[in-house]
């Protein structure tokens, strides 16, 4: 099993950042450029182990051809401690486990750290390659998440990179709608 982690220093109070990470869990696609789109999992509320969570989980468009859509189910949620854990489903068969824990910790009055700890387990030789690719992707995503989250917290709007992504998606939906006469729910 591969353990991956990132520690993001954010210039904002922990409570403010937690509102985006925790209660805003299903809306990550609104601000994070590494997630082109997201929506809450439809259906019943979060399981007992994630009591108090804003949703049972989320469905994310990934922008990755191997698994273009991933369902992330909350398995733990602690509003007071500013931490949540989710497990991914709908992954390729060679990935046997993918879970992630996000924790927001104060680092002063106007600063905090967002700690992201992931576990990925894959099988076979191709699985080893997937593990290495996941590690590389984690470093890239951490850099983008830090920038996108910091901008969203400071300005209340998505980063310029995310805004470009959203404009491209809207243009693509408009073209698809014009082409086949149907709208596409959620843009993906």
N, C-alpha and C. Protein backbone atom coordinates (compact mmCIF):
# COMPACT_ATOMS: atom_id res chain seq x y z
N UNK A 1 0.84 -1.17 0.00
CA UNK A 1 0.00 0.00 0.00
C UNK A 1 0.89 1.23 0.00
N UNK A 2 0.56 2.16 -0.85
CA UNK A 2 1.33 3.40 -0.95
C UNK A 2 0.64 4.48 -0.11
N UNK A 3 1.43 5.12 0.74
CA UNK A 3 0.97 6.23 1.57
C UNK A 3 1.45 7.52 0.92
N UNK A 4 0.55 8.44 0.68
CA UNK A 4 0.88 9.71 0.07
C UNK A 4 0.39 10.82 0.99
N UNK A 5 1.14 11.90 1.09
CA UNK A 5 0.69 12.99 1.94
C UNK A 5 1.12 14.33 1.37
N UNK A 6 0.37 15.34 1.74
CA UNK A 6 0.69 16.72 1.37
C UNK A 6 0.30 17.60 2.55
N UNK A 7 1.06 18.64 2.77
CA UNK A 7 0.81 19.58 3.86
C UNK A 7 0.74 20.97 3.22
N UNK A 8 -0.46 21.54 3.20
CA UNK A 8 -0.68 22.81 2.52
C UNK A 8 -0.80 23.93 3.54
N UNK A 9 0.07 24.90 3.50
CA UNK A 9 0.00 26.07 4.37
C UNK A 9 -0.91 27.10 3.70
N UNK A 10 -1.96 27.50 4.41
CA UNK A 10 -2.94 28.43 3.86
C UNK A 10 -3.00 29.67 4.75
N UNK A 11 -2.95 30.85 4.15
CA UNK A 11 -3.01 32.11 4.89
C UNK A 11 -4.46 32.50 5.16
N UNK A 12 -5.10 31.74 6.04
CA UNK A 12 -6.48 32.01 6.45
C UNK A 12 -6.75 31.22 7.73
N UNK A 13 -7.70 31.67 8.53
CA UNK A 13 -8.03 30.95 9.76
C UNK A 13 -8.57 29.55 9.46
N UNK A 14 -8.27 28.61 10.35
CA UNK A 14 -8.68 27.22 10.17
C UNK A 14 -10.19 27.08 10.01
N UNK A 15 -10.98 27.82 10.80
CA UNK A 15 -12.44 27.71 10.71
C UNK A 15 -12.94 28.10 9.32
N UNK A 16 -12.36 29.12 8.75
CA UNK A 16 -12.77 29.59 7.42
C UNK A 16 -12.42 28.55 6.36
N UNK A 17 -11.24 27.97 6.46
CA UNK A 17 -10.81 26.95 5.50
C UNK A 17 -11.67 25.69 5.66
N UNK A 18 -11.95 25.31 6.90
CA UNK A 18 -12.77 24.12 7.15
C UNK A 18 -14.16 24.25 6.52
N UNK A 19 -14.73 25.44 6.50
CA UNK A 19 -16.05 25.63 5.89
C UNK A 19 -16.04 25.21 4.42
N UNK A 20 -14.93 25.44 3.75
CA UNK A 20 -14.81 25.05 2.34
C UNK A 20 -14.55 23.54 2.23
N UNK A 21 -13.66 23.01 3.08
CA UNK A 21 -13.27 21.59 3.01
C UNK A 21 -14.35 20.67 3.56
N UNK A 22 -14.89 20.98 4.73
CA UNK A 22 -15.85 20.10 5.40
C UNK A 22 -17.27 20.29 4.92
N UNK A 23 -17.97 21.33 5.41
CA UNK A 23 -19.34 21.55 4.96
C UNK A 23 -19.46 21.72 3.45
N UNK A 24 -18.41 22.22 2.79
CA UNK A 24 -18.42 22.38 1.33
C UNK A 24 -17.86 21.18 0.58
N UNK A 25 -17.74 20.04 1.25
CA UNK A 25 -17.10 18.84 0.68
C UNK A 25 -17.57 18.52 -0.74
N UNK A 26 -18.86 18.48 -0.96
CA UNK A 26 -19.39 18.07 -2.27
C UNK A 26 -19.19 19.12 -3.34
N UNK A 27 -18.80 20.35 -2.96
CA UNK A 27 -18.65 21.44 -3.92
C UNK A 27 -17.19 21.69 -4.33
N UNK A 28 -16.32 20.73 -4.15
CA UNK A 28 -14.91 20.92 -4.49
C UNK A 28 -14.73 21.31 -5.96
N UNK A 29 -15.60 20.85 -6.82
CA UNK A 29 -15.52 21.19 -8.24
C UNK A 29 -15.76 22.65 -8.54
N UNK A 30 -16.27 23.40 -7.57
CA UNK A 30 -16.48 24.84 -7.75
C UNK A 30 -15.19 25.64 -7.64
N UNK A 31 -14.19 25.09 -6.94
CA UNK A 31 -12.98 25.90 -6.69
C UNK A 31 -11.68 25.19 -7.04
N UNK A 32 -11.64 23.86 -7.09
CA UNK A 32 -10.39 23.12 -7.31
C UNK A 32 -10.23 22.75 -8.78
N UNK A 33 -9.17 23.23 -9.39
CA UNK A 33 -8.96 22.93 -10.82
C UNK A 33 -8.60 21.47 -11.06
N UNK A 34 -8.17 20.74 -10.03
CA UNK A 34 -7.85 19.32 -10.22
C UNK A 34 -9.12 18.48 -10.29
N UNK A 35 -10.26 19.06 -9.95
CA UNK A 35 -11.57 18.40 -10.05
C UNK A 35 -12.43 19.26 -10.96
N UNK A 36 -12.58 18.88 -12.23
CA UNK A 36 -13.36 19.71 -13.15
C UNK A 36 -14.81 19.96 -12.73
N UNK A 37 -15.43 18.99 -12.05
CA UNK A 37 -16.82 19.15 -11.61
C UNK A 37 -17.09 18.18 -10.48
N UNK A 38 -18.05 18.53 -9.63
CA UNK A 38 -18.45 17.63 -8.55
C UNK A 38 -19.91 17.86 -8.20
N UNK A 39 -20.50 16.86 -7.56
CA UNK A 39 -21.89 16.95 -7.12
C UNK A 39 -22.07 16.02 -5.93
N UNK A 40 -23.00 16.35 -5.02
CA UNK A 40 -23.24 15.44 -3.90
C UNK A 40 -23.80 14.11 -4.39
N UNK A 41 -23.49 13.05 -3.66
CA UNK A 41 -24.10 11.75 -3.96
C UNK A 41 -25.58 11.87 -3.66
N UNK A 42 -26.42 11.55 -4.63
CA UNK A 42 -27.85 11.62 -4.35
C UNK A 42 -28.26 10.48 -3.40
N UNK A 43 -29.28 10.73 -2.63
CA UNK A 43 -29.77 9.67 -1.76
C UNK A 43 -29.68 10.03 -0.30
N UNK A 44 -29.68 9.00 0.56
CA UNK A 44 -29.72 9.24 2.00
C UNK A 44 -28.48 9.96 2.52
N UNK A 45 -28.61 10.45 3.73
CA UNK A 45 -27.52 11.19 4.38
C UNK A 45 -26.31 10.29 4.62
N UNK A 46 -25.27 10.89 5.13
CA UNK A 46 -24.02 10.18 5.41
C UNK A 46 -24.24 9.05 6.40
N UNK A 47 -23.42 8.00 6.34
CA UNK A 47 -23.54 6.90 7.29
C UNK A 47 -23.21 7.35 8.72
N UNK A 48 -23.57 6.53 9.69
CA UNK A 48 -23.36 6.87 11.10
C UNK A 48 -21.92 7.24 11.41
N UNK A 49 -20.95 6.58 10.75
CA UNK A 49 -19.55 6.87 11.00
C UNK A 49 -19.15 8.27 10.53
N UNK A 50 -20.00 8.88 9.70
CA UNK A 50 -19.73 10.23 9.22
C UNK A 50 -20.87 11.17 9.61
N UNK A 51 -21.43 10.95 10.80
CA UNK A 51 -22.54 11.77 11.29
C UNK A 51 -22.17 13.24 11.27
N UNK A 52 -23.12 14.06 10.86
CA UNK A 52 -22.89 15.50 10.79
C UNK A 52 -22.31 15.96 9.47
N UNK A 53 -22.00 15.02 8.59
CA UNK A 53 -21.44 15.38 7.29
C UNK A 53 -22.49 16.06 6.43
N UNK A 54 -22.08 16.93 5.53
CA UNK A 54 -23.03 17.66 4.68
C UNK A 54 -23.70 16.78 3.63
N UNK A 55 -23.10 15.63 3.32
CA UNK A 55 -23.63 14.71 2.31
C UNK A 55 -23.02 13.34 2.56
N UNK A 56 -23.56 12.33 1.92
CA UNK A 56 -22.98 10.99 2.03
C UNK A 56 -21.64 10.92 1.32
N UNK A 57 -21.44 11.80 0.37
CA UNK A 57 -20.20 11.83 -0.40
C UNK A 57 -20.38 12.71 -1.62
N UNK A 58 -19.52 12.49 -2.60
CA UNK A 58 -19.59 13.29 -3.82
C UNK A 58 -19.20 12.45 -5.01
N UNK A 59 -19.63 12.88 -6.17
CA UNK A 59 -19.21 12.29 -7.44
C UNK A 59 -18.37 13.36 -8.12
N UNK A 60 -17.16 12.99 -8.51
CA UNK A 60 -16.23 13.95 -9.10
C UNK A 60 -15.86 13.56 -10.53
N UNK A 61 -15.88 14.52 -11.42
CA UNK A 61 -15.26 14.36 -12.72
C UNK A 61 -13.77 14.56 -12.48
N UNK A 62 -12.94 13.67 -13.02
CA UNK A 62 -11.52 13.74 -12.72
C UNK A 62 -10.67 14.35 -13.82
N UNK A 63 -11.13 14.28 -15.04
CA UNK A 63 -10.29 14.72 -16.15
C UNK A 63 -9.23 13.69 -16.51
N UNK A 64 -9.31 12.49 -15.92
CA UNK A 64 -8.35 11.41 -16.17
C UNK A 64 -9.05 10.34 -17.00
N UNK A 65 -8.50 10.01 -18.16
CA UNK A 65 -9.19 9.08 -19.07
C UNK A 65 -9.40 7.70 -18.47
N UNK A 66 -8.50 7.23 -17.62
CA UNK A 66 -8.59 5.89 -17.05
C UNK A 66 -9.80 5.74 -16.12
N UNK A 67 -10.14 6.80 -15.41
CA UNK A 67 -11.33 6.81 -14.55
C UNK A 67 -11.89 8.23 -14.54
N UNK A 68 -12.73 8.53 -15.54
CA UNK A 68 -13.22 9.89 -15.71
C UNK A 68 -14.16 10.38 -14.61
N UNK A 69 -14.76 9.45 -13.89
CA UNK A 69 -15.69 9.81 -12.81
C UNK A 69 -15.41 8.92 -11.61
N UNK A 70 -15.34 9.52 -10.43
CA UNK A 70 -15.08 8.78 -9.20
C UNK A 70 -16.13 9.17 -8.17
N UNK A 71 -16.63 8.17 -7.46
CA UNK A 71 -17.54 8.41 -6.35
C UNK A 71 -16.73 8.32 -5.07
N UNK A 72 -16.83 9.35 -4.25
CA UNK A 72 -16.09 9.40 -2.98
C UNK A 72 -17.10 9.43 -1.84
N UNK A 73 -17.11 8.36 -1.04
CA UNK A 73 -18.06 8.21 0.05
C UNK A 73 -17.39 8.58 1.37
N UNK A 74 -18.01 9.46 2.12
CA UNK A 74 -17.46 9.84 3.42
C UNK A 74 -17.54 8.65 4.37
N UNK A 75 -16.44 8.34 5.02
CA UNK A 75 -16.40 7.25 5.99
C UNK A 75 -16.16 7.76 7.40
N UNK A 76 -15.73 9.01 7.55
CA UNK A 76 -15.55 9.65 8.86
C UNK A 76 -15.65 11.16 8.65
N UNK A 77 -16.26 11.83 9.63
CA UNK A 77 -16.44 13.27 9.55
C UNK A 77 -16.50 13.80 10.96
N UNK A 78 -15.60 14.72 11.30
CA UNK A 78 -15.57 15.29 12.64
C UNK A 78 -15.50 16.81 12.52
N UNK A 79 -16.65 17.44 12.67
CA UNK A 79 -16.76 18.89 12.55
C UNK A 79 -15.87 19.60 13.57
N UNK A 80 -15.87 19.13 14.82
CA UNK A 80 -15.11 19.78 15.88
C UNK A 80 -13.60 19.70 15.66
N UNK A 81 -13.14 18.58 15.15
CA UNK A 81 -11.70 18.40 14.93
C UNK A 81 -11.26 18.78 13.52
N UNK A 82 -12.22 19.22 12.70
CA UNK A 82 -11.92 19.65 11.33
C UNK A 82 -11.23 18.55 10.53
N UNK A 83 -11.80 17.37 10.53
CA UNK A 83 -11.21 16.26 9.78
C UNK A 83 -12.29 15.43 9.11
N UNK A 84 -11.97 14.89 7.96
CA UNK A 84 -12.88 14.00 7.25
C UNK A 84 -12.07 12.96 6.50
N UNK A 85 -12.69 11.82 6.26
CA UNK A 85 -12.07 10.74 5.48
C UNK A 85 -13.10 10.24 4.47
N UNK A 86 -12.64 9.97 3.28
CA UNK A 86 -13.52 9.38 2.27
C UNK A 86 -12.80 8.27 1.54
N UNK A 87 -13.60 7.39 0.96
CA UNK A 87 -13.07 6.28 0.17
C UNK A 87 -13.62 6.38 -1.25
N UNK A 88 -12.75 6.18 -2.23
CA UNK A 88 -13.14 6.27 -3.63
C UNK A 88 -13.67 4.93 -4.13
N UNK A 89 -14.68 5.02 -4.98
CA UNK A 89 -15.24 3.86 -5.68
C UNK A 89 -15.25 4.17 -7.17
N UNK A 90 -15.65 3.20 -7.96
CA UNK A 90 -15.73 3.37 -9.41
C UNK A 90 -14.36 3.58 -10.03
N UNK A 91 -13.35 2.91 -9.46
CA UNK A 91 -11.99 2.99 -9.97
C UNK A 91 -11.69 1.77 -10.82
N UNK A 92 -10.62 1.79 -11.59
CA UNK A 92 -10.24 0.61 -12.36
C UNK A 92 -10.03 -0.59 -11.42
N UNK A 93 -10.27 -1.79 -11.92
CA UNK A 93 -10.20 -3.01 -11.10
C UNK A 93 -8.83 -3.21 -10.46
N UNK A 94 -7.78 -2.69 -11.05
CA UNK A 94 -6.45 -2.89 -10.47
C UNK A 94 -6.22 -2.07 -9.21
N UNK A 95 -7.08 -1.08 -8.94
CA UNK A 95 -6.99 -0.30 -7.71
C UNK A 95 -7.92 -0.95 -6.68
N UNK A 96 -7.33 -1.49 -5.61
CA UNK A 96 -8.14 -2.20 -4.61
C UNK A 96 -8.55 -1.30 -3.45
N UNK A 97 -7.86 -0.19 -3.26
CA UNK A 97 -8.21 0.74 -2.19
C UNK A 97 -7.68 2.12 -2.54
N UNK A 98 -8.52 3.11 -2.32
CA UNK A 98 -8.11 4.51 -2.45
C UNK A 98 -8.91 5.30 -1.43
N UNK A 99 -8.25 5.78 -0.39
CA UNK A 99 -8.94 6.60 0.60
C UNK A 99 -8.07 7.79 0.95
N UNK A 100 -8.72 8.80 1.50
CA UNK A 100 -8.06 10.07 1.71
C UNK A 100 -8.60 10.71 2.98
N UNK A 101 -7.72 11.29 3.79
CA UNK A 101 -8.11 12.03 4.99
C UNK A 101 -7.61 13.47 4.86
N UNK A 102 -8.51 14.41 5.08
CA UNK A 102 -8.17 15.83 5.08
C UNK A 102 -8.37 16.34 6.50
N UNK A 103 -7.39 17.07 7.01
CA UNK A 103 -7.46 17.66 8.34
C UNK A 103 -7.00 19.11 8.26
N UNK A 104 -7.78 20.00 8.85
CA UNK A 104 -7.42 21.42 8.89
C UNK A 104 -7.00 21.75 10.32
N UNK A 105 -5.76 22.24 10.47
CA UNK A 105 -5.17 22.50 11.78
C UNK A 105 -4.75 23.96 11.87
N UNK A 106 -5.13 24.68 12.94
CA UNK A 106 -4.68 26.07 13.09
C UNK A 106 -3.16 26.14 13.17
N UNK A 107 -2.60 27.19 12.58
CA UNK A 107 -1.16 27.44 12.66
C UNK A 107 -0.96 28.92 12.97
N UNK A 108 -1.72 29.39 13.93
CA UNK A 108 -1.73 30.80 14.27
C UNK A 108 -3.13 31.35 14.08
N UNK A 109 -3.28 32.62 14.35
CA UNK A 109 -4.61 33.23 14.28
C UNK A 109 -5.13 33.34 12.85
N UNK A 110 -4.26 33.62 11.92
CA UNK A 110 -4.68 33.85 10.52
C UNK A 110 -4.05 32.86 9.54
N UNK A 111 -3.58 31.73 10.05
CA UNK A 111 -2.96 30.71 9.18
C UNK A 111 -3.42 29.33 9.62
N UNK A 112 -3.35 28.41 8.68
CA UNK A 112 -3.65 27.02 9.03
C UNK A 112 -2.89 26.10 8.09
N UNK A 113 -2.94 24.84 8.42
CA UNK A 113 -2.36 23.79 7.56
C UNK A 113 -3.48 22.85 7.19
N UNK A 114 -3.52 22.49 5.92
CA UNK A 114 -4.44 21.46 5.45
C UNK A 114 -3.57 20.25 5.17
N UNK A 115 -3.77 19.22 5.98
CA UNK A 115 -2.99 17.99 5.80
C UNK A 115 -3.85 16.97 5.05
N UNK A 116 -3.29 16.47 3.97
CA UNK A 116 -3.99 15.49 3.14
C UNK A 116 -3.16 14.22 3.17
N UNK A 117 -3.78 13.13 3.60
CA UNK A 117 -3.11 11.84 3.68
C UNK A 117 -3.91 10.82 2.89
N UNK A 118 -3.29 10.24 1.89
CA UNK A 118 -3.97 9.28 1.03
C UNK A 118 -3.33 7.90 1.14
N UNK A 119 -4.14 6.91 0.93
CA UNK A 119 -3.68 5.53 0.85
C UNK A 119 -4.19 4.96 -0.46
N UNK A 120 -3.29 4.39 -1.23
CA UNK A 120 -3.65 3.78 -2.50
C UNK A 120 -3.05 2.39 -2.55
N UNK A 121 -3.89 1.43 -2.86
CA UNK A 121 -3.41 0.05 -3.00
C UNK A 121 -3.85 -0.46 -4.36
N UNK A 122 -2.90 -1.00 -5.09
CA UNK A 122 -3.19 -1.53 -6.42
C UNK A 122 -2.54 -2.90 -6.56
N UNK A 123 -3.05 -3.69 -7.49
CA UNK A 123 -2.52 -5.04 -7.67
C UNK A 123 -1.79 -5.18 -9.00
N UNK A 124 -0.84 -6.09 -9.03
CA UNK A 124 -0.13 -6.42 -10.26
C UNK A 124 0.95 -5.43 -10.63
N UNK A 125 1.66 -5.78 -11.70
CA UNK A 125 2.76 -4.92 -12.18
C UNK A 125 2.24 -3.56 -12.62
N UNK A 126 1.10 -3.57 -13.30
CA UNK A 126 0.53 -2.30 -13.73
C UNK A 126 0.12 -1.48 -12.50
N UNK A 127 -0.28 -2.16 -11.43
CA UNK A 127 -0.62 -1.50 -10.19
C UNK A 127 0.55 -0.74 -9.59
N UNK A 128 1.75 -1.30 -9.71
CA UNK A 128 2.96 -0.62 -9.23
C UNK A 128 3.15 0.69 -10.00
N UNK A 129 2.95 0.63 -11.31
CA UNK A 129 3.05 1.84 -12.13
C UNK A 129 1.98 2.86 -11.73
N UNK A 130 0.78 2.37 -11.44
CA UNK A 130 -0.29 3.26 -11.00
C UNK A 130 0.11 3.94 -9.70
N UNK A 131 0.74 3.19 -8.79
CA UNK A 131 1.20 3.76 -7.52
C UNK A 131 2.19 4.89 -7.74
N UNK A 132 3.13 4.68 -8.64
CA UNK A 132 4.12 5.73 -8.93
C UNK A 132 3.44 6.93 -9.59
N UNK A 133 2.51 6.67 -10.49
CA UNK A 133 1.79 7.76 -11.14
C UNK A 133 0.96 8.54 -10.12
N UNK A 134 0.34 7.82 -9.18
CA UNK A 134 -0.45 8.48 -8.13
C UNK A 134 0.44 9.38 -7.28
N UNK A 135 1.64 8.93 -6.98
CA UNK A 135 2.57 9.74 -6.18
C UNK A 135 2.92 11.03 -6.93
N UNK A 136 3.24 10.90 -8.20
CA UNK A 136 3.58 12.09 -9.00
C UNK A 136 2.39 13.03 -9.09
N UNK A 137 1.21 12.47 -9.29
CA UNK A 137 -0.01 13.28 -9.40
C UNK A 137 -0.31 13.98 -8.08
N UNK A 138 -0.03 13.34 -6.98
CA UNK A 138 -0.28 13.94 -5.66
C UNK A 138 0.52 15.22 -5.50
N UNK A 139 1.79 15.20 -5.88
CA UNK A 139 2.62 16.40 -5.74
C UNK A 139 2.09 17.53 -6.61
N UNK A 140 1.72 17.21 -7.83
CA UNK A 140 1.17 18.22 -8.74
C UNK A 140 -0.15 18.77 -8.18
N UNK A 141 -1.03 17.86 -7.78
CA UNK A 141 -2.33 18.28 -7.27
C UNK A 141 -2.22 19.11 -6.00
N UNK A 142 -1.28 18.76 -5.14
CA UNK A 142 -1.10 19.52 -3.89
C UNK A 142 -0.75 20.97 -4.19
N UNK A 143 0.12 21.18 -5.13
CA UNK A 143 0.50 22.55 -5.51
C UNK A 143 -0.71 23.32 -6.06
N UNK A 144 -1.48 22.67 -6.92
CA UNK A 144 -2.66 23.32 -7.50
C UNK A 144 -3.75 23.55 -6.45
N UNK A 145 -3.96 22.55 -5.59
CA UNK A 145 -4.97 22.69 -4.53
C UNK A 145 -4.63 23.86 -3.60
N UNK A 146 -3.37 23.97 -3.24
CA UNK A 146 -2.96 25.07 -2.35
C UNK A 146 -3.26 26.42 -3.00
N UNK A 147 -2.88 26.57 -4.25
CA UNK A 147 -3.12 27.83 -4.95
C UNK A 147 -4.62 28.10 -5.12
N UNK A 148 -5.37 27.10 -5.55
CA UNK A 148 -6.81 27.27 -5.77
C UNK A 148 -7.55 27.56 -4.47
N UNK A 149 -7.24 26.81 -3.41
CA UNK A 149 -7.90 27.01 -2.13
C UNK A 149 -7.56 28.37 -1.54
N UNK A 150 -6.29 28.74 -1.60
CA UNK A 150 -5.88 30.04 -1.09
C UNK A 150 -6.60 31.18 -1.80
N UNK A 151 -6.69 31.09 -3.11
CA UNK A 151 -7.38 32.13 -3.88
C UNK A 151 -8.86 32.17 -3.52
N UNK A 152 -9.49 31.01 -3.45
CA UNK A 152 -10.92 30.94 -3.15
C UNK A 152 -11.22 31.53 -1.77
N UNK A 153 -10.38 31.23 -0.80
CA UNK A 153 -10.57 31.75 0.56
C UNK A 153 -10.36 33.27 0.58
N UNK A 154 -9.30 33.75 -0.06
CA UNK A 154 -8.99 35.19 -0.03
C UNK A 154 -10.00 36.04 -0.80
N UNK A 155 -10.45 35.53 -1.97
CA UNK A 155 -11.25 36.36 -2.87
C UNK A 155 -12.72 35.96 -2.95
N UNK A 156 -13.05 34.75 -2.48
CA UNK A 156 -14.44 34.30 -2.57
C UNK A 156 -14.84 33.88 -3.96
N UNK A 157 -13.87 33.75 -4.85
CA UNK A 157 -14.12 33.33 -6.22
C UNK A 157 -13.08 32.27 -6.60
N UNK A 158 -13.38 31.44 -7.59
CA UNK A 158 -12.38 30.47 -8.04
C UNK A 158 -11.15 31.18 -8.61
N UNK A 159 -10.03 30.49 -8.58
CA UNK A 159 -8.78 31.03 -9.13
C UNK A 159 -8.94 31.29 -10.62
N UNK A 160 -8.10 32.14 -11.20
CA UNK A 160 -8.17 32.36 -12.65
C UNK A 160 -8.06 31.04 -13.44
N UNK A 161 -7.21 30.11 -12.99
CA UNK A 161 -7.08 28.81 -13.67
C UNK A 161 -8.42 28.07 -13.65
N UNK A 162 -9.08 28.04 -12.49
CA UNK A 162 -10.37 27.35 -12.37
C UNK A 162 -11.44 28.07 -13.19
N UNK A 163 -11.41 29.39 -13.19
CA UNK A 163 -12.38 30.14 -13.99
C UNK A 163 -12.25 29.82 -15.48
N UNK A 164 -11.00 29.69 -15.97
CA UNK A 164 -10.79 29.30 -17.37
C UNK A 164 -11.37 27.91 -17.62
N UNK A 165 -11.12 27.00 -16.68
CA UNK A 165 -11.63 25.64 -16.80
C UNK A 165 -13.17 25.64 -16.86
N UNK A 166 -13.79 26.43 -16.00
CA UNK A 166 -15.26 26.50 -15.98
C UNK A 166 -15.80 27.10 -17.27
N UNK A 167 -15.12 28.12 -17.80
CA UNK A 167 -15.56 28.72 -19.08
C UNK A 167 -15.45 27.71 -20.21
N UNK A 168 -14.33 26.95 -20.25
CA UNK A 168 -14.17 25.92 -21.29
C UNK A 168 -15.27 24.87 -21.19
N UNK A 169 -15.59 24.45 -19.96
CA UNK A 169 -16.64 23.44 -19.75
C UNK A 169 -17.99 23.98 -20.20
N UNK A 170 -18.29 25.24 -19.89
CA UNK A 170 -19.56 25.84 -20.30
C UNK A 170 -19.65 25.92 -21.81
N UNK A 171 -18.54 26.29 -22.44
CA UNK A 171 -18.50 26.39 -23.90
C UNK A 171 -18.70 25.00 -24.52
N UNK A 172 -18.06 24.01 -23.94
CA UNK A 172 -18.19 22.63 -24.42
C UNK A 172 -19.63 22.14 -24.28
N UNK A 173 -20.26 22.43 -23.13
CA UNK A 173 -21.67 22.03 -22.92
C UNK A 173 -22.56 22.72 -23.93
N UNK A 174 -22.29 24.00 -24.18
CA UNK A 174 -23.10 24.75 -25.14
C UNK A 174 -22.97 24.14 -26.53
N UNK A 175 -21.74 23.77 -26.91
CA UNK A 175 -21.52 23.14 -28.22
C UNK A 175 -22.21 21.79 -28.28
N UNK A 176 -22.10 21.00 -27.22
CA UNK A 176 -22.75 19.68 -27.19
C UNK A 176 -24.25 19.82 -27.25
N UNK A 177 -24.79 20.82 -26.55
CA UNK A 177 -26.23 21.06 -26.55
C UNK A 177 -26.68 21.44 -27.96
N UNK A 178 -25.93 22.30 -28.59
CA UNK A 178 -26.25 22.74 -29.93
C UNK A 178 -26.15 21.57 -30.90
N UNK A 179 -25.17 20.72 -30.70
CA UNK A 179 -24.92 19.59 -31.60
C UNK A 179 -26.01 18.54 -31.54
N UNK A 180 -26.38 18.11 -30.32
CA UNK A 180 -27.33 17.00 -30.24
C UNK A 180 -28.69 17.40 -29.66
N UNK A 181 -28.87 18.67 -29.34
CA UNK A 181 -30.17 19.12 -28.87
C UNK A 181 -30.50 18.74 -27.44
N UNK A 182 -29.55 18.16 -26.72
CA UNK A 182 -29.79 17.78 -25.33
C UNK A 182 -28.81 18.50 -24.43
N UNK A 183 -29.29 18.84 -23.24
CA UNK A 183 -28.35 19.40 -22.27
C UNK A 183 -27.73 18.27 -21.48
N UNK A 184 -26.58 18.50 -20.94
CA UNK A 184 -25.88 17.49 -20.17
C UNK A 184 -25.84 17.92 -18.71
N UNK A 185 -26.51 17.17 -17.86
CA UNK A 185 -26.61 17.52 -16.44
C UNK A 185 -25.24 17.59 -15.81
N UNK A 186 -25.02 18.66 -15.06
CA UNK A 186 -23.76 18.80 -14.32
C UNK A 186 -22.57 19.08 -15.20
N UNK A 187 -22.76 19.18 -16.50
CA UNK A 187 -21.65 19.48 -17.38
C UNK A 187 -20.72 18.33 -17.66
N UNK A 188 -21.08 17.11 -17.23
CA UNK A 188 -20.22 15.96 -17.47
C UNK A 188 -21.02 14.77 -17.38
